[in-house]
Amino acid sequence: MELISLVKKKKSKEAIERIKGGANLHYVDETGCTCLHYASAGGLSEVIVEAAQHGIDVELRDK
């Protein structure tokens, strides 16, 4: 399952494992959002922190 899908389903543990495993943090879905957008909307602070530690651009805006 891709990272965005895990985050949308609020599967934080699995999402963090994917991030640590080198998942593409900059992937943008068909709505113009990244995993960071969904993690923020879902209140998944641990995913946000992990993504930030692995280089996601926290200044990204959706389309």
PDB file of N, CA and C in Angstrom:
ATOM      1  N   MET A   1       0.854  -1.177   0.000  1.00  0.00           N
ATOM      2  CA  MET A   1       0.000   0.000   0.000  1.00  0.00           C
ATOM      3  C   MET A   1       0.897   1.236   0.000  1.00  0.00           C
ATOM      4  N   GLU A   2       0.544   2.212  -0.816  1.00  0.00           N
ATOM      5  CA  GLU A   2       1.394   3.391  -0.887  1.00  0.00           C
ATOM      6  C   GLU A   2       1.193   4.289   0.333  1.00  0.00           C
ATOM      7  N   LEU A   3       2.168   5.130   0.563  1.00  0.00           N
ATOM      8  CA  LEU A   3       2.214   5.975   1.754  1.00  0.00           C
ATOM      9  C   LEU A   3       0.960   6.819   1.925  1.00  0.00           C
ATOM     10  N   ILE A   4       0.522   7.497   0.882  1.00  0.00           N
ATOM     11  CA  ILE A   4      -0.663   8.354   1.013  1.00  0.00           C
ATOM     12  C   ILE A   4      -1.874   7.537   1.448  1.00  0.00           C
ATOM     13  N   SER A   5      -2.041   6.347   0.913  1.00  0.00           N
ATOM     14  CA  SER A   5      -3.169   5.496   1.296  1.00  0.00           C
ATOM     15  C   SER A   5      -3.120   5.147   2.774  1.00  0.00           C
ATOM     16  N   LEU A   6      -1.932   4.839   3.270  1.00  0.00           N
ATOM     17  CA  LEU A   6      -1.786   4.522   4.692  1.00  0.00           C
ATOM     18  C   LEU A   6      -2.141   5.721   5.561  1.00  0.00           C
ATOM     19  N   VAL A   7      -1.692   6.890   5.159  1.00  0.00           N
ATOM     20  CA  VAL A   7      -1.969   8.103   5.932  1.00  0.00           C
ATOM     21  C   VAL A   7      -3.457   8.422   5.893  1.00  0.00           C
ATOM     22  N   LYS A   8      -4.082   8.301   4.729  1.00  0.00           N
ATOM     23  CA  LYS A   8      -5.522   8.554   4.614  1.00  0.00           C
ATOM     24  C   LYS A   8      -6.318   7.640   5.538  1.00  0.00           C
ATOM     25  N   LYS A   9      -5.836   6.398   5.697  1.00  0.00           N
ATOM     26  CA  LYS A   9      -6.518   5.422   6.552  1.00  0.00           C
ATOM     27  C   LYS A   9      -6.078   5.529   8.013  1.00  0.00           C
ATOM     28  N   LYS A  10      -5.243   6.534   8.299  1.00  0.00           N
ATOM     29  CA  LYS A  10      -4.729   6.812   9.645  1.00  0.00           C
ATOM     30  C   LYS A  10      -3.958   5.627  10.230  1.00  0.00           C
ATOM     31  N   LYS A  11      -3.187   4.964   9.381  1.00  0.00           N
ATOM     32  CA  LYS A  11      -2.336   3.853   9.809  1.00  0.00           C
ATOM     33  C   LYS A  11      -0.933   4.401  10.047  1.00  0.00           C
ATOM     34  N   SER A  12      -0.798   5.105  11.162  1.00  0.00           N
ATOM     35  CA  SER A  12       0.442   5.822  11.468  1.00  0.00           C
ATOM     36  C   SER A  12       1.656   4.915  11.532  1.00  0.00           C
ATOM     37  N   LYS A  13       1.536   3.802  12.246  1.00  0.00           N
ATOM     38  CA  LYS A  13       2.679   2.902  12.423  1.00  0.00           C
ATOM     39  C   LYS A  13       3.210   2.418  11.076  1.00  0.00           C
ATOM     40  N   GLU A  14       2.299   1.973  10.209  1.00  0.00           N
ATOM     41  CA  GLU A  14       2.701   1.483   8.899  1.00  0.00           C
ATOM     42  C   GLU A  14       3.266   2.610   8.040  1.00  0.00           C
ATOM     43  N   ALA A  15       2.669   3.790   8.131  1.00  0.00           N
ATOM     44  CA  ALA A  15       3.154   4.944   7.365  1.00  0.00           C
ATOM     45  C   ALA A  15       4.572   5.312   7.788  1.00  0.00           C
ATOM     46  N   ILE A  16       4.822   5.317   9.082  1.00  0.00           N
ATOM     47  CA  ILE A  16       6.158   5.647   9.586  1.00  0.00           C
ATOM     48  C   ILE A  16       7.175   4.614   9.112  1.00  0.00           C
ATOM     49  N   GLU A  17       6.793   3.340   9.099  1.00  0.00           N
ATOM     50  CA  GLU A  17       7.691   2.301   8.587  1.00  0.00           C
ATOM     51  C   GLU A  17       8.028   2.560   7.122  1.00  0.00           C
ATOM     52  N   ARG A  18       7.033   2.969   6.336  1.00  0.00           N
ATOM     53  CA  ARG A  18       7.264   3.287   4.924  1.00  0.00           C
ATOM     54  C   ARG A  18       8.195   4.483   4.773  1.00  0.00           C
ATOM     55  N   ILE A  19       7.984   5.503   5.600  1.00  0.00           N
ATOM     56  CA  ILE A  19       8.844   6.694   5.552  1.00  0.00           C
ATOM     57  C   ILE A  19      10.284   6.304   5.865  1.00  0.00           C
ATOM     58  N   LYS A  20      10.466   5.530   6.928  1.00  0.00           N
ATOM     59  CA  LYS A  20      11.808   5.079   7.309  1.00  0.00           C
ATOM     60  C   LYS A  20      12.433   4.208   6.226  1.00  0.00           C
ATOM     61  N   GLY A  21      11.589   3.519   5.460  1.00  0.00           N
ATOM     62  CA  GLY A  21      12.062   2.647   4.389  1.00  0.00           C
ATOM     63  C   GLY A  21      12.351   3.371   3.084  1.00  0.00           C
ATOM     64  N   GLY A  22      12.153   4.678   3.079  1.00  0.00           N
ATOM     65  CA  GLY A  22      12.504   5.456   1.899  1.00  0.00           C
ATOM     66  C   GLY A  22      11.364   5.777   0.951  1.00  0.00           C
ATOM     67  N   ALA A  23      10.133   5.764   1.443  1.00  0.00           N
ATOM     68  CA  ALA A  23       8.987   6.099   0.585  1.00  0.00           C
ATOM     69  C   ALA A  23       9.149   7.491  -0.017  1.00  0.00           C
ATOM     70  N   ASN A  24       8.557   7.685  -1.174  1.00  0.00           N
ATOM     71  CA  ASN A  24       8.607   8.975  -1.857  1.00  0.00           C
ATOM     72  C   ASN A  24       7.711   9.979  -1.126  1.00  0.00           C
ATOM     73  N   LEU A  25       8.320  10.858  -0.366  1.00  0.00           N
ATOM     74  CA  LEU A  25       7.576  11.843   0.417  1.00  0.00           C
ATOM     75  C   LEU A  25       7.026  12.975  -0.433  1.00  0.00           C
ATOM     76  N   HIS A  26       7.514  13.105  -1.632  1.00  0.00           N
ATOM     77  CA  HIS A  26       7.120  14.224  -2.484  1.00  0.00           C
ATOM     78  C   HIS A  26       6.081  13.828  -3.531  1.00  0.00           C
ATOM     79  N   TYR A  27       5.574  12.605  -3.427  1.00  0.00           N
ATOM     80  CA  TYR A  27       4.532  12.159  -4.345  1.00  0.00           C
ATOM     81  C   TYR A  27       3.283  13.012  -4.139  1.00  0.00           C
ATOM     82  N   VAL A  28       2.716  13.497  -5.230  1.00  0.00           N
ATOM     83  CA  VAL A  28       1.500  14.307  -5.197  1.00  0.00           C
ATOM     84  C   VAL A  28       0.383  13.499  -5.855  1.00  0.00           C
ATOM     85  N   ASP A  29      -0.751  13.363  -5.168  1.00  0.00           N
ATOM     86  CA  ASP A  29      -1.848  12.574  -5.727  1.00  0.00           C
ATOM     87  C   ASP A  29      -2.678  13.388  -6.720  1.00  0.00           C
ATOM     88  N   GLU A  30      -3.754  12.789  -7.194  1.00  0.00           N
ATOM     89  CA  GLU A  30      -4.582  13.417  -8.224  1.00  0.00           C
ATOM     90  C   GLU A  30      -5.277  14.694  -7.752  1.00  0.00           C
ATOM     91  N   THR A  31      -5.349  14.907  -6.446  1.00  0.00           N
ATOM     92  CA  THR A  31      -5.965  16.131  -5.918  1.00  0.00           C
ATOM     93  C   THR A  31      -4.933  17.207  -5.607  1.00  0.00           C
ATOM     94  N   GLY A  32      -3.646  16.884  -5.839  1.00  0.00           N
ATOM     95  CA  GLY A  32      -2.584  17.857  -5.600  1.00  0.00           C
ATOM     96  C   GLY A  32      -2.027  17.841  -4.190  1.00  0.00           C
ATOM     97  N   CYS A  33      -2.314  16.780  -3.438  1.00  0.00           N
ATOM     98  CA  CYS A  33      -1.869  16.698  -2.040  1.00  0.00           C
ATOM     99  C   CYS A  33      -0.761  15.663  -1.854  1.00  0.00           C
ATOM    100  N   THR A  34       0.070  15.891  -0.841  1.00  0.00           N
ATOM    101  CA  THR A  34       1.101  14.932  -0.439  1.00  0.00           C
ATOM    102  C   THR A  34       0.651  14.251   0.850  1.00  0.00           C
ATOM    103  N   CYS A  35       1.450  13.309   1.316  1.00  0.00           N
ATOM    104  CA  CYS A  35       1.125  12.646   2.582  1.00  0.00           C
ATOM    105  C   CYS A  35       1.093  13.649   3.731  1.00  0.00           C
ATOM    106  N   LEU A  36       1.878  14.703   3.623  1.00  0.00           N
ATOM    107  CA  LEU A  36       1.905  15.727   4.673  1.00  0.00           C
ATOM    108  C   LEU A  36       0.548  16.415   4.809  1.00  0.00           C
ATOM    109  N   HIS A  37      -0.094  16.692   3.695  1.00  0.00           N
ATOM    110  CA  HIS A  37      -1.410  17.323   3.736  1.00  0.00           C
ATOM    111  C   HIS A  37      -2.415  16.423   4.460  1.00  0.00           C
ATOM    112  N   TYR A  38      -2.411  15.137   4.122  1.00  0.00           N
ATOM    113  CA  TYR A  38      -3.346  14.203   4.745  1.00  0.00           C
ATOM    114  C   TYR A  38      -3.011  13.959   6.216  1.00  0.00           C
ATOM    115  N   ALA A  39      -1.730  13.902   6.533  1.00  0.00           N
ATOM    116  CA  ALA A  39      -1.330  13.723   7.930  1.00  0.00           C
ATOM    117  C   ALA A  39      -1.770  14.925   8.761  1.00  0.00           C
ATOM    118  N   SER A  40      -1.632  16.107   8.205  1.00  0.00           N
ATOM    119  CA  SER A  40      -2.057  17.321   8.908  1.00  0.00           C
ATOM    120  C   SER A  40      -3.566  17.325   9.115  1.00  0.00           C
ATOM    121  N   ALA A  41      -4.301  17.022   8.064  1.00  0.00           N
ATOM    122  CA  ALA A  41      -5.765  17.010   8.146  1.00  0.00           C
ATOM    123  C   ALA A  41      -6.264  15.949   9.121  1.00  0.00           C
ATOM    124  N   GLY A  42      -5.521  14.844   9.218  1.00  0.00           N
ATOM    125  CA  GLY A  42      -5.928  13.743  10.087  1.00  0.00           C
ATOM    126  C   GLY A  42      -5.376  13.811  11.498  1.00  0.00           C
ATOM    127  N   GLY A  43      -4.582  14.836  11.783  1.00  0.00           N
ATOM    128  CA  GLY A  43      -4.020  14.977  13.125  1.00  0.00           C
ATOM    129  C   GLY A  43      -2.943  13.955  13.454  1.00  0.00           C
ATOM    130  N   LEU A  44      -2.234  13.480  12.443  1.00  0.00           N
ATOM    131  CA  LEU A  44      -1.211  12.450  12.644  1.00  0.00           C
ATOM    132  C   LEU A  44       0.152  13.101  12.871  1.00  0.00           C
ATOM    133  N   SER A  45       0.310  13.701  14.027  1.00  0.00           N
ATOM    134  CA  SER A  45       1.525  14.469  14.311  1.00  0.00           C
ATOM    135  C   SER A  45       2.787  13.622  14.248  1.00  0.00           C
ATOM    136  N   GLU A  46       2.708  12.360  14.637  1.00  0.00           N
ATOM    137  CA  GLU A  46       3.892  11.506  14.607  1.00  0.00           C
ATOM    138  C   GLU A  46       4.344  11.247  13.172  1.00  0.00           C
ATOM    139  N   VAL A  47       3.410  11.179  12.250  1.00  0.00           N
ATOM    140  CA  VAL A  47       3.749  11.009  10.836  1.00  0.00           C
ATOM    141  C   VAL A  47       4.374  12.296  10.296  1.00  0.00           C
ATOM    142  N   ILE A  48       3.829  13.429  10.696  1.00  0.00           N
ATOM    143  CA  ILE A  48       4.367  14.725  10.275  1.00  0.00           C
ATOM    144  C   ILE A  48       5.809  14.873  10.735  1.00  0.00           C
ATOM    145  N   VAL A  49       6.070  14.556  11.986  1.00  0.00           N
ATOM    146  CA  VAL A  49       7.425  14.671  12.540  1.00  0.00           C
ATOM    147  C   VAL A  49       8.381  13.743  11.796  1.00  0.00           C
ATOM    148  N   GLU A  50       7.975  12.513  11.586  1.00  0.00           N
ATOM    149  CA  GLU A  50       8.837  11.546  10.888  1.00  0.00           C
ATOM    150  C   GLU A  50       9.126  12.008   9.460  1.00  0.00           C
ATOM    151  N   ALA A  51       8.102  12.488   8.774  1.00  0.00           N
ATOM    152  CA  ALA A  51       8.288  12.968   7.403  1.00  0.00           C
ATOM    153  C   ALA A  51       9.226  14.171   7.381  1.00  0.00           C
ATOM    154  N   ALA A  52       9.083  15.061   8.338  1.00  0.00           N
ATOM    155  CA  ALA A  52       9.963  16.237   8.416  1.00  0.00           C
ATOM    156  C   ALA A  52      11.407  15.810   8.664  1.00  0.00           C
ATOM    157  N   GLN A  53      11.599  14.811   9.505  1.00  0.00           N
ATOM    158  CA  GLN A  53      12.946  14.322   9.788  1.00  0.00           C
ATOM    159  C   GLN A  53      13.572  13.638   8.571  1.00  0.00           C
ATOM    160  N   HIS A  54      12.735  13.216   7.646  1.00  0.00           N
ATOM    161  CA  HIS A  54      13.233  12.540   6.442  1.00  0.00           C
ATOM    162  C   HIS A  54      13.200  13.439   5.211  1.00  0.00           C
ATOM    163  N   GLY A  55      13.035  14.735   5.419  1.00  0.00           N
ATOM    164  CA  GLY A  55      13.249  15.683   4.337  1.00  0.00           C
ATOM    165  C   GLY A  55      12.050  16.183   3.565  1.00  0.00           C
ATOM    166  N   ILE A  56      10.829  15.931   4.047  1.00  0.00           N
ATOM    167  CA  ILE A  56       9.679  16.472   3.319  1.00  0.00           C
ATOM    168  C   ILE A  56       9.676  17.991   3.433  1.00  0.00           C
ATOM    169  N   ASP A  57       9.240  18.640   2.386  1.00  0.00           N
ATOM    170  CA  ASP A  57       9.157  20.102   2.371  1.00  0.00           C
ATOM    171  C   ASP A  57       7.905  20.520   3.137  1.00  0.00           C
ATOM    172  N   VAL A  58       8.077  21.027   4.343  1.00  0.00           N
ATOM    173  CA  VAL A  58       6.935  21.403   5.179  1.00  0.00           C
ATOM    174  C   VAL A  58       6.269  22.693   4.705  1.00  0.00           C
ATOM    175  N   GLU A  59       6.827  23.333   3.708  1.00  0.00           N
ATOM    176  CA  GLU A  59       6.233  24.553   3.144  1.00  0.00           C
ATOM    177  C   GLU A  59       5.395  24.264   1.893  1.00  0.00           C
ATOM    178  N   LEU A  60       5.285  22.984   1.510  1.00  0.00           N
ATOM    179  CA  LEU A  60       4.516  22.631   0.315  1.00  0.00           C
ATOM    180  C   LEU A  60       3.060  23.032   0.466  1.00  0.00           C
ATOM    181  N   ARG A  61       2.486  23.488  -0.616  1.00  0.00           N
ATOM    182  CA  ARG A  61       1.058  23.814  -0.645  1.00  0.00           C
ATOM    183  C   ARG A  61       0.404  22.939  -1.697  1.00  0.00           C
ATOM    184  N   ASP A  62      -0.863  22.597  -1.447  1.00  0.00           N
ATOM    185  CA  ASP A  62      -1.559  21.801  -2.452  1.00  0.00           C
ATOM    186  C   ASP A  62      -1.952  22.682  -3.630  1.00  0.00           C
ATOM    187  N   LYS A  63      -2.361  22.032  -4.705  1.00  0.00           N
ATOM    188  CA  LYS A  63      -2.683  22.762  -5.939  1.00  0.00           C
ATOM    189  C   LYS A  63      -4.080  23.319  -5.902  1.00  0.00           C
TER     190      LYS A  63
END
